[in-house]
Amino acid sequence: LVLTGAGISAESGVPTFRGSDGLWEGHRVEQ
């Protein structure tokens, strides 16, 4: 069983949209 997360795709240039401030591209998750 393998589980992958954002770290594997970040190396391909896919933005994670989850920063240390909890915002996704200037928007809170709740938005």
PDB file of all heavy atoms in Angstrom:
ATOM      1  N   LEU A   1       0.849  -1.184   0.000  1.00  0.00           N
ATOM      2  CA  LEU A   1       0.000   0.000   0.000  1.00  0.00           C
ATOM      3  C   LEU A   1       0.887   1.238   0.000  1.00  0.00           C
ATOM      4  O   LEU A   1       1.797   1.359   0.818  1.00  0.00           O
ATOM      5  CB  LEU A   1      -0.900   0.006   1.236  1.00  0.00           C
ATOM      6  CG  LEU A   1      -1.789   1.235   1.454  1.00  0.00           C
ATOM      7  CD1 LEU A   1      -2.775   1.405   0.304  1.00  0.00           C
ATOM      8  CD2 LEU A   1      -2.535   1.127   2.789  1.00  0.00           C
ATOM      9  N   VAL A   2       0.619   2.151  -0.936  1.00  0.00           N
ATOM     10  CA  VAL A   2       1.379   3.396  -1.032  1.00  0.00           C
ATOM     11  C   VAL A   2       0.428   4.564  -0.835  1.00  0.00           C
ATOM     12  O   VAL A   2      -0.687   4.565  -1.360  1.00  0.00           O
ATOM     13  CB  VAL A   2       2.078   3.518  -2.405  1.00  0.00           C
ATOM     14  CG1 VAL A   2       2.808   4.858  -2.515  1.00  0.00           C
ATOM     15  CG2 VAL A   2       3.053   2.364  -2.615  1.00  0.00           C
ATOM     16  N   LEU A   3       0.864   5.556  -0.076  1.00  0.00           N
ATOM     17  CA  LEU A   3       0.110   6.796   0.099  1.00  0.00           C
ATOM     18  C   LEU A   3       0.995   7.956  -0.342  1.00  0.00           C
ATOM     19  O   LEU A   3       2.125   8.087   0.123  1.00  0.00           O
ATOM     20  CB  LEU A   3      -0.286   6.986   1.568  1.00  0.00           C
ATOM     21  CG  LEU A   3      -0.901   8.348   1.920  1.00  0.00           C
ATOM     22  CD1 LEU A   3      -2.280   8.494   1.275  1.00  0.00           C
ATOM     23  CD2 LEU A   3      -1.000   8.529   3.444  1.00  0.00           C
ATOM     24  N   THR A   4       0.494   8.787  -1.244  1.00  0.00           N
ATOM     25  CA  THR A   4       1.267   9.946  -1.667  1.00  0.00           C
ATOM     26  C   THR A   4       0.521  11.238  -1.336  1.00  0.00           C
ATOM     27  O   THR A   4      -0.700  11.283  -1.314  1.00  0.00           O
ATOM     28  CB  THR A   4       1.573   9.920  -3.181  1.00  0.00           C
ATOM     29  OG1 THR A   4       0.350  10.017  -3.930  1.00  0.00           O
ATOM     30  CG2 THR A   4       2.306   8.658  -3.565  1.00  0.00           C
ATOM     31  N   GLY A   5       1.324  12.285  -1.090  1.00  0.00           N
ATOM     32  CA  GLY A   5       0.771  13.594  -0.780  1.00  0.00           C
ATOM     33  C   GLY A   5       1.376  14.671  -1.661  1.00  0.00           C
ATOM     34  O   GLY A   5       2.081  14.386  -2.640  1.00  0.00           O
ATOM     35  N   ALA A   6       1.149  15.907  -1.285  1.00  0.00           N
ATOM     36  CA  ALA A   6       1.526  17.047  -2.118  1.00  0.00           C
ATOM     37  C   ALA A   6       3.019  17.090  -2.431  1.00  0.00           C
ATOM     38  O   ALA A   6       3.431  17.603  -3.470  1.00  0.00           O
ATOM     39  CB  ALA A   6       1.104  18.352  -1.440  1.00  0.00           C
ATOM     40  N   GLY A   7       3.847  16.542  -1.530  1.00  0.00           N
ATOM     41  CA  GLY A   7       5.288  16.606  -1.721  1.00  0.00           C
ATOM     42  C   GLY A   7       5.777  15.943  -2.992  1.00  0.00           C
ATOM     43  O   GLY A   7       6.769  16.380  -3.581  1.00  0.00           O
ATOM     44  N   ILE A   8       5.090  14.903  -3.443  1.00  0.00           N
ATOM     45  CA  ILE A   8       5.544  14.196  -4.644  1.00  0.00           C
ATOM     46  C   ILE A   8       5.251  15.012  -5.898  1.00  0.00           C
ATOM     47  O   ILE A   8       6.024  14.992  -6.859  1.00  0.00           O
ATOM     48  CB  ILE A   8       4.926  12.779  -4.736  1.00  0.00           C
ATOM     49  CG1 ILE A   8       5.661  11.944  -5.800  1.00  0.00           C
ATOM     50  CG2 ILE A   8       3.445  12.839  -5.026  1.00  0.00           C
ATOM     51  CD1 ILE A   8       5.248  10.477  -5.810  1.00  0.00           C
ATOM     52  N   SER A   9       4.152  15.763  -5.904  1.00  0.00           N
ATOM     53  CA  SER A   9       3.789  16.536  -7.086  1.00  0.00           C
ATOM     54  C   SER A   9       4.396  17.934  -7.097  1.00  0.00           C
ATOM     55  O   SER A   9       4.508  18.558  -8.151  1.00  0.00           O
ATOM     56  CB  SER A   9       2.268  16.640  -7.201  1.00  0.00           C
ATOM     57  OG  SER A   9       1.705  15.384  -7.513  1.00  0.00           O
ATOM     58  N   ALA A  10       4.791  18.420  -5.922  1.00  0.00           N
ATOM     59  CA  ALA A  10       5.414  19.741  -5.862  1.00  0.00           C
ATOM     60  C   ALA A  10       6.672  19.777  -6.719  1.00  0.00           C
ATOM     61  O   ALA A  10       6.995  20.798  -7.334  1.00  0.00           O
ATOM     62  CB  ALA A  10       5.742  20.097  -4.419  1.00  0.00           C
ATOM     63  N   GLU A  11       7.382  18.648  -6.793  1.00  0.00           N
ATOM     64  CA  GLU A  11       8.603  18.589  -7.603  1.00  0.00           C
ATOM     65  C   GLU A  11       8.313  18.652  -9.097  1.00  0.00           C
ATOM     66  O   GLU A  11       9.203  18.907  -9.896  1.00  0.00           O
ATOM     67  CB  GLU A  11       9.383  17.317  -7.277  1.00  0.00           C
ATOM     68  CG  GLU A  11      10.029  17.331  -5.909  1.00  0.00           C
ATOM     69  CD  GLU A  11      10.998  16.174  -5.741  1.00  0.00           C
ATOM     70  OE1 GLU A  11      12.001  16.116  -6.488  1.00  0.00           O
ATOM     71  OE2 GLU A  11      10.738  15.310  -4.886  1.00  0.00           O
ATOM     72  N   SER A  12       7.057  18.418  -9.468  1.00  0.00           N
ATOM     73  CA  SER A  12       6.662  18.527 -10.874  1.00  0.00           C
ATOM     74  C   SER A  12       6.147  19.919 -11.210  1.00  0.00           C
ATOM     75  O   SER A  12       5.735  20.182 -12.338  1.00  0.00           O
ATOM     76  CB  SER A  12       5.570  17.495 -11.199  1.00  0.00           C
ATOM     77  OG  SER A  12       6.099  16.183 -11.204  1.00  0.00           O
ATOM     78  N   GLY A  13       6.150  20.797 -10.213  1.00  0.00           N
ATOM     79  CA  GLY A  13       5.688  22.157 -10.442  1.00  0.00           C
ATOM     80  C   GLY A  13       4.232  22.391 -10.109  1.00  0.00           C
ATOM     81  O   GLY A  13       3.694  23.466 -10.402  1.00  0.00           O
ATOM     82  N   VAL A  14       3.575  21.418  -9.498  1.00  0.00           N
ATOM     83  CA  VAL A  14       2.181  21.588  -9.102  1.00  0.00           C
ATOM     84  C   VAL A  14       2.146  22.355  -7.777  1.00  0.00           C
ATOM     85  O   VAL A  14       2.670  21.873  -6.777  1.00  0.00           O
ATOM     86  CB  VAL A  14       1.473  20.226  -8.929  1.00  0.00           C
ATOM     87  CG1 VAL A  14       0.040  20.436  -8.447  1.00  0.00           C
ATOM     88  CG2 VAL A  14       1.489  19.451 -10.239  1.00  0.00           C
ATOM     89  N   PRO A  15       1.545  23.541  -7.758  1.00  0.00           N
ATOM     90  CA  PRO A  15       1.489  24.324  -6.510  1.00  0.00           C
ATOM     91  C   PRO A  15       0.719  23.581  -5.435  1.00  0.00           C
ATOM     92  O   PRO A  15      -0.319  22.967  -5.711  1.00  0.00           O
ATOM     93  CB  PRO A  15       0.756  25.609  -6.919  1.00  0.00           C
ATOM     94  CG  PRO A  15       0.885  25.671  -8.412  1.00  0.00           C
ATOM     95  CD  PRO A  15       0.897  24.240  -8.882  1.00  0.00           C
ATOM     96  N   THR A  16       1.226  23.616  -4.214  1.00  0.00           N
ATOM     97  CA  THR A  16       0.522  22.957  -3.121  1.00  0.00           C
ATOM     98  C   THR A  16      -0.630  23.818  -2.605  1.00  0.00           C
ATOM     99  O   THR A  16      -1.591  23.306  -2.059  1.00  0.00           O
ATOM    100  CB  THR A  16       1.470  22.655  -1.951  1.00  0.00           C
ATOM    101  OG1 THR A  16       1.966  23.890  -1.424  1.00  0.00           O
ATOM    102  CG2 THR A  16       2.641  21.799  -2.415  1.00  0.00           C
ATOM    103  N   PHE A  17      -0.529  25.130  -2.760  1.00  0.00           N
ATOM    104  CA  PHE A  17      -1.557  26.075  -2.319  1.00  0.00           C
ATOM    105  C   PHE A  17      -1.754  26.069  -0.810  1.00  0.00           C
ATOM    106  O   PHE A  17      -2.643  26.715  -0.306  1.00  0.00           O
ATOM    107  CB  PHE A  17      -2.914  25.788  -3.005  1.00  0.00           C
ATOM    108  CG  PHE A  17      -2.915  26.124  -4.464  1.00  0.00           C
ATOM    109  CD1 PHE A  17      -2.517  25.189  -5.399  1.00  0.00           C
ATOM    110  CD2 PHE A  17      -3.293  27.374  -4.908  1.00  0.00           C
ATOM    111  CE1 PHE A  17      -2.505  25.489  -6.753  1.00  0.00           C
ATOM    112  CE2 PHE A  17      -3.272  27.688  -6.249  1.00  0.00           C
ATOM    113  CZ  PHE A  17      -2.879  26.746  -7.171  1.00  0.00           C
ATOM    114  N   ARG A  18      -0.910  25.362  -0.086  1.00  0.00           N
ATOM    115  CA  ARG A  18      -1.014  25.373   1.378  1.00  0.00           C
ATOM    116  C   ARG A  18       0.282  25.947   1.929  1.00  0.00           C
ATOM    117  O   ARG A  18       1.312  25.293   1.919  1.00  0.00           O
ATOM    118  CB  ARG A  18      -1.245  23.973   1.925  1.00  0.00           C
ATOM    119  CG  ARG A  18      -1.326  23.935   3.455  1.00  0.00           C
ATOM    120  CD  ARG A  18      -1.384  22.504   3.947  1.00  0.00           C
ATOM    121  NE  ARG A  18      -2.663  21.902   3.644  1.00  0.00           N
ATOM    122  CZ  ARG A  18      -3.746  22.010   4.412  1.00  0.00           C
ATOM    123  NH1 ARG A  18      -3.701  22.716   5.508  1.00  0.00           N
ATOM    124  NH2 ARG A  18      -4.870  21.423   4.065  1.00  0.00           N
ATOM    125  N   GLY A  19       0.221  27.184   2.408  1.00  0.00           N
ATOM    126  CA  GLY A  19       1.413  27.829   2.941  1.00  0.00           C
ATOM    127  C   GLY A  19       1.427  27.777   4.447  1.00  0.00           C
ATOM    128  O   GLY A  19       0.475  27.342   5.099  1.00  0.00           O
ATOM    129  N   SER A  20       2.506  28.261   5.045  1.00  0.00           N
ATOM    130  CA  SER A  20       2.631  28.246   6.496  1.00  0.00           C
ATOM    131  C   SER A  20       1.585  29.143   7.155  1.00  0.00           C
ATOM    132  O   SER A  20       1.276  28.987   8.334  1.00  0.00           O
ATOM    133  CB  SER A  20       4.035  28.703   6.901  1.00  0.00           C
ATOM    134  OG  SER A  20       4.298  30.013   6.397  1.00  0.00           O
ATOM    135  N   ASP A  21       1.027  30.085   6.380  1.00  0.00           N
ATOM    136  CA  ASP A  21       0.012  30.980   6.945  1.00  0.00           C
ATOM    137  C   ASP A  21      -1.403  30.452   6.754  1.00  0.00           C
ATOM    138  O   ASP A  21      -2.379  31.115   7.084  1.00  0.00           O
ATOM    139  CB  ASP A  21       0.123  32.375   6.320  1.00  0.00           C
ATOM    140  CG  ASP A  21      -0.018  32.349   4.800  1.00  0.00           C
ATOM    141  OD1 ASP A  21      -0.188  31.237   4.242  1.00  0.00           O
ATOM    142  OD2 ASP A  21       0.044  33.424   4.185  1.00  0.00           O
ATOM    143  N   GLY A  22      -1.528  29.251   6.217  1.00  0.00           N
ATOM    144  CA  GLY A  22      -2.847  28.638   6.065  1.00  0.00           C
ATOM    145  C   GLY A  22      -3.652  29.187   4.920  1.00  0.00           C
ATOM    146  O   GLY A  22      -4.863  28.969   4.855  1.00  0.00           O
ATOM    147  N   LEU A  23      -3.016  29.884   3.998  1.00  0.00           N
ATOM    148  CA  LEU A  23      -3.737  30.466   2.872  1.00  0.00           C
ATOM    149  C   LEU A  23      -3.467  29.694   1.592  1.00  0.00           C
ATOM    150  O   LEU A  23      -2.393  29.145   1.407  1.00  0.00           O
ATOM    151  CB  LEU A  23      -3.324  31.927   2.676  1.00  0.00           C
ATOM    152  CG  LEU A  23      -3.542  32.872   3.854  1.00  0.00           C
ATOM    153  CD1 LEU A  23      -3.050  34.257   3.489  1.00  0.00           C
ATOM    154  CD2 LEU A  23      -5.008  32.925   4.228  1.00  0.00           C
ATOM    155  N   TRP A  24      -4.433  29.658   0.713  1.00  0.00           N
ATOM    156  CA  TRP A  24      -4.277  29.079  -0.621  1.00  0.00           C
ATOM    157  C   TRP A  24      -4.417  30.215  -1.625  1.00  0.00           C
ATOM    158  O   TRP A  24      -5.519  30.731  -1.823  1.00  0.00           O
ATOM    159  CB  TRP A  24      -5.347  28.032  -0.882  1.00  0.00           C
ATOM    160  CG  TRP A  24      -5.091  26.715  -0.219  1.00  0.00           C
ATOM    161  CD1 TRP A  24      -4.040  26.378   0.573  1.00  0.00           C
ATOM    162  CD2 TRP A  24      -5.924  25.555  -0.299  1.00  0.00           C
ATOM    163  NE1 TRP A  24      -4.174  25.080   1.002  1.00  0.00           N
ATOM    164  CE2 TRP A  24      -5.313  24.549   0.467  1.00  0.00           C
ATOM    165  CE3 TRP A  24      -7.113  25.273  -0.957  1.00  0.00           C
ATOM    166  CZ2 TRP A  24      -5.853  23.284   0.606  1.00  0.00           C
ATOM    167  CZ3 TRP A  24      -7.652  24.004  -0.818  1.00  0.00           C
ATOM    168  CH2 TRP A  24      -7.032  23.032  -0.047  1.00  0.00           C
ATOM    169  N   GLU A  25      -3.296  30.604  -2.211  1.00  0.00           N
ATOM    170  CA  GLU A  25      -3.311  31.672  -3.215  1.00  0.00           C
ATOM    171  C   GLU A  25      -4.076  32.899  -2.710  1.00  0.00           C
ATOM    172  O   GLU A  25      -4.886  33.477  -3.424  1.00  0.00           O
ATOM    173  CB  GLU A  25      -3.945  31.162  -4.521  1.00  0.00           C
ATOM    174  CG  GLU A  25      -3.028  30.286  -5.338  1.00  0.00           C
ATOM    175  CD  GLU A  25      -1.811  31.058  -5.859  1.00  0.00           C
ATOM    176  OE1 GLU A  25      -1.973  31.894  -6.747  1.00  0.00           O
ATOM    177  OE2 GLU A  25      -0.703  30.803  -5.354  1.00  0.00           O
ATOM    178  N   GLY A  26      -3.802  33.281  -1.473  1.00  0.00           N
ATOM    179  CA  GLY A  26      -4.450  34.463  -0.924  1.00  0.00           C
ATOM    180  C   GLY A  26      -5.823  34.225  -0.343  1.00  0.00           C
ATOM    181  O   GLY A  26      -6.450  35.151   0.169  1.00  0.00           O
ATOM    182  N   HIS A  27      -6.304  32.996  -0.411  1.00  0.00           N
ATOM    183  CA  HIS A  27      -7.636  32.680   0.118  1.00  0.00           C
ATOM    184  C   HIS A  27      -7.525  31.676   1.254  1.00  0.00           C
ATOM    185  O   HIS A  27      -6.743  30.730   1.185  1.00  0.00           O
ATOM    186  CB  HIS A  27      -8.527  32.082  -0.975  1.00  0.00           C
ATOM    187  CG  HIS A  27      -8.732  32.991  -2.155  1.00  0.00           C
ATOM    188  ND1 HIS A  27      -9.403  34.182  -2.074  1.00  0.00           N
ATOM    189  CD2 HIS A  27      -8.340  32.857  -3.440  1.00  0.00           C
ATOM    190  CE1 HIS A  27      -9.423  34.758  -3.262  1.00  0.00           C
ATOM    191  NE2 HIS A  27      -8.784  33.974  -4.110  1.00  0.00           N
ATOM    192  N   ARG A  28      -8.301  31.873   2.262  1.00  0.00           N
ATOM    193  CA  ARG A  28      -8.372  30.881   3.324  1.00  0.00           C
ATOM    194  C   ARG A  28      -9.104  29.641   2.815  1.00  0.00           C
ATOM    195  O   ARG A  28      -9.959  29.723   1.935  1.00  0.00           O
ATOM    196  CB  ARG A  28      -9.083  31.445   4.556  1.00  0.00           C
ATOM    197  CG  ARG A  28      -8.266  32.497   5.288  1.00  0.00           C
ATOM    198  CD  ARG A  28      -8.733  32.659   6.722  1.00  0.00           C
ATOM    199  NE  ARG A  28      -7.776  33.462   7.468  1.00  0.00           N
ATOM    200  CZ  ARG A  28      -6.668  32.969   8.034  1.00  0.00           C
ATOM    201  NH1 ARG A  28      -6.400  31.682   7.927  1.00  0.00           N
ATOM    202  NH2 ARG A  28      -5.862  33.747   8.700  1.00  0.00           N
ATOM    203  N   VAL A  29      -8.757  28.499   3.405  1.00  0.00           N
ATOM    204  CA  VAL A  29      -9.406  27.243   3.039  1.00  0.00           C
ATOM    205  C   VAL A  29     -10.925  27.391   3.097  1.00  0.00           C
ATOM    206  O   VAL A  29     -11.649  26.895   2.229  1.00  0.00           O
ATOM    207  CB  VAL A  29      -8.930  26.115   3.986  1.00  0.00           C
ATOM    208  CG1 VAL A  29      -9.820  24.897   3.863  1.00  0.00           C
ATOM    209  CG2 VAL A  29      -7.484  25.746   3.698  1.00  0.00           C
ATOM    210  N   GLU A  30     -11.402  28.086   4.113  1.00  0.00           N
ATOM    211  CA  GLU A  30     -12.839  28.235   4.301  1.00  0.00           C
ATOM    212  C   GLU A  30     -13.504  28.999   3.153  1.00  0.00           C
ATOM    213  O   GLU A  30     -14.718  28.902   2.952  1.00  0.00           O
ATOM    214  CB  GLU A  30     -13.120  28.963   5.617  1.00  0.00           C
ATOM    215  CG  GLU A  30     -12.713  28.186   6.860  1.00  0.00           C
ATOM    216  CD  GLU A  30     -11.228  28.322   7.182  1.00  0.00           C
ATOM    217  OE1 GLU A  30     -10.513  29.057   6.455  1.00  0.00           O
ATOM    218  OE2 GLU A  30     -10.777  27.686   8.152  1.00  0.00           O
ATOM    219  N   GLN A  31     -12.715  29.760   2.389  1.00  0.00           N
ATOM    220  CA  GLN A  31     -13.276  30.557   1.305  1.00  0.00           C
ATOM    221  C   GLN A  31     -13.378  29.793  -0.017  1.00  0.00           C
ATOM    222  O   GLN A  31     -14.171  30.163  -0.880  1.00  0.00           O
ATOM    223  CB  GLN A  31     -12.420  31.809   1.077  1.00  0.00           C
ATOM    224  CG  GLN A  31     -12.442  32.806   2.213  1.00  0.00           C
ATOM    225  CD  GLN A  31     -11.540  33.984   1.911  1.00  0.00           C
ATOM    226  OE1 GLN A  31     -10.368  33.829   1.588  1.00  0.00           O
ATOM    227  NE2 GLN A  31     -12.088  35.185   2.016  1.00  0.00           N
TER     228      GLN A  31
END
